[in-house]
Amino acid sequence: MHEYAFQAPLWMHMLHCRLCKPLRVVQHTVAIRSGGGALQGVLPLVRQRVMGLVTLQAVDFGVCDYNAPVASNEVLLALAAERWVREHV
């Protein structure tokens, strides 16, 4: 898994603590695990209602110039190949 400075747990925690409530968003972080339960990736997301439509988006809040899932390319490709993931996310 790749982790970048703007995805470190403390950075993400501070974004959630300081920006979620004022921006009226709900943290919706998705953990990707193997069949055995090992962590394979993390999708840091938030849920927000915009003009009546609920959106699921990356946790950058417009204050970061970088955001991406924390996972290997193999894990992301496997997720993209899953019909259930495409239909529900």
Protein backbone atom coordinates (compact mmCIF):
# COMPACT_ATOMS: atom_id res chain seq x y z
CA MET A 1 0.00 0.00 0.00
CA HIS A 2 1.15 3.50 -0.73
CA GLU A 3 0.56 6.23 1.82
CA TYR A 4 1.30 9.87 1.24
CA ALA A 5 1.66 12.75 3.72
CA PHE A 6 -1.87 13.99 3.06
CA GLN A 7 -3.26 10.53 3.77
CA ALA A 8 -1.48 9.84 7.04
CA PRO A 9 -3.88 8.92 9.85
CA LEU A 10 -3.20 12.10 11.87
CA TRP A 11 -3.70 14.35 8.82
CA MET A 12 -6.98 12.61 7.95
CA HIS A 13 -8.16 12.73 11.56
CA MET A 14 -7.56 16.49 11.74
CA LEU A 15 -9.38 17.05 8.43
CA HIS A 16 -12.36 15.11 9.74
CA CYS A 17 -12.37 16.80 13.15
CA ARG A 18 -12.05 20.35 11.87
CA LEU A 19 -13.88 20.33 8.55
CA CYS A 20 -16.62 17.69 8.53
CA LYS A 21 -19.06 19.45 10.84
CA PRO A 22 -18.68 22.99 9.39
CA LEU A 23 -18.98 21.62 5.83
CA ARG A 24 -21.91 19.36 6.80
CA VAL A 25 -20.28 16.19 5.54
CA VAL A 26 -20.11 12.73 7.08
CA GLN A 27 -16.91 10.71 7.15
CA HIS A 28 -17.34 7.58 5.07
CA THR A 29 -13.94 5.88 4.97
CA VAL A 30 -13.98 2.49 3.25
CA ALA A 31 -11.50 -0.16 4.39
CA ILE A 32 -10.63 -2.81 1.81
CA ARG A 33 -9.77 -6.17 3.37
CA SER A 34 -8.75 -9.55 2.02
CA GLY A 35 -10.84 -12.65 2.67
CA GLY A 36 -8.61 -13.29 5.69
CA GLY A 37 -9.22 -9.80 7.08
CA ALA A 38 -5.83 -8.23 6.22
CA LEU A 39 -6.05 -4.55 5.32
CA GLN A 40 -5.51 -4.12 1.57
CA GLY A 41 -6.44 -0.48 1.12
CA VAL A 42 -8.34 2.54 2.37
CA LEU A 43 -10.64 4.89 0.46
CA PRO A 44 -10.89 8.13 2.46
CA LEU A 45 -14.29 9.51 1.45
CA VAL A 46 -17.03 11.79 2.76
CA ARG A 47 -20.76 11.85 2.13
CA GLN A 48 -22.26 15.25 1.38
CA ARG A 49 -25.68 16.47 0.29
CA VAL A 50 -25.41 18.94 -2.58
CA MET A 51 -28.65 20.47 -3.88
CA GLY A 52 -30.60 17.46 -2.60
CA LEU A 53 -28.24 14.89 -4.14
CA VAL A 54 -26.04 12.78 -1.85
CA THR A 55 -22.49 12.58 -3.15
CA LEU A 56 -19.59 10.39 -2.12
CA GLN A 57 -16.29 12.15 -2.74
CA ALA A 58 -12.61 12.21 -1.83
CA VAL A 59 -11.65 13.81 1.46
CA ASP A 60 -9.74 16.81 0.22
CA PHE A 61 -12.38 19.46 0.95
CA GLY A 62 -10.64 21.67 -1.59
CA VAL A 63 -7.74 22.26 0.81
CA CYS A 64 -5.35 19.66 -0.61
CA ASP A 65 -3.90 19.49 -4.08
CA TYR A 66 -3.64 15.71 -3.92
CA ASN A 67 -5.94 12.86 -2.99
CA ALA A 68 -6.02 9.23 -3.95
CA PRO A 69 -7.00 5.85 -2.56
CA VAL A 70 -4.40 4.21 -0.35
CA ALA A 71 -4.02 0.86 -2.13
CA SER A 72 -1.86 -0.93 -4.63
CA ASN A 73 -2.72 -0.80 -8.33
CA GLU A 74 -3.58 -4.51 -8.18
CA VAL A 75 -6.16 -3.97 -5.45
CA LEU A 76 -7.71 -1.01 -7.27
CA LEU A 77 -7.92 -2.96 -10.54
CA ALA A 78 -9.53 -5.90 -8.75
CA LEU A 79 -12.12 -3.55 -7.21
CA ALA A 80 -12.85 -1.94 -10.57
CA ALA A 81 -13.48 -5.40 -12.02
CA GLU A 82 -16.11 -6.20 -9.36
CA ARG A 83 -19.63 -5.49 -10.59
CA TRP A 84 -20.97 -5.02 -7.06
CA VAL A 85 -18.39 -2.31 -6.35
CA ARG A 86 -19.19 -0.46 -9.58
CA GLU A 87 -22.92 -0.58 -8.87
CA HIS A 88 -22.77 0.46 -5.21
CA VAL A 89 -19.88 2.90 -5.00
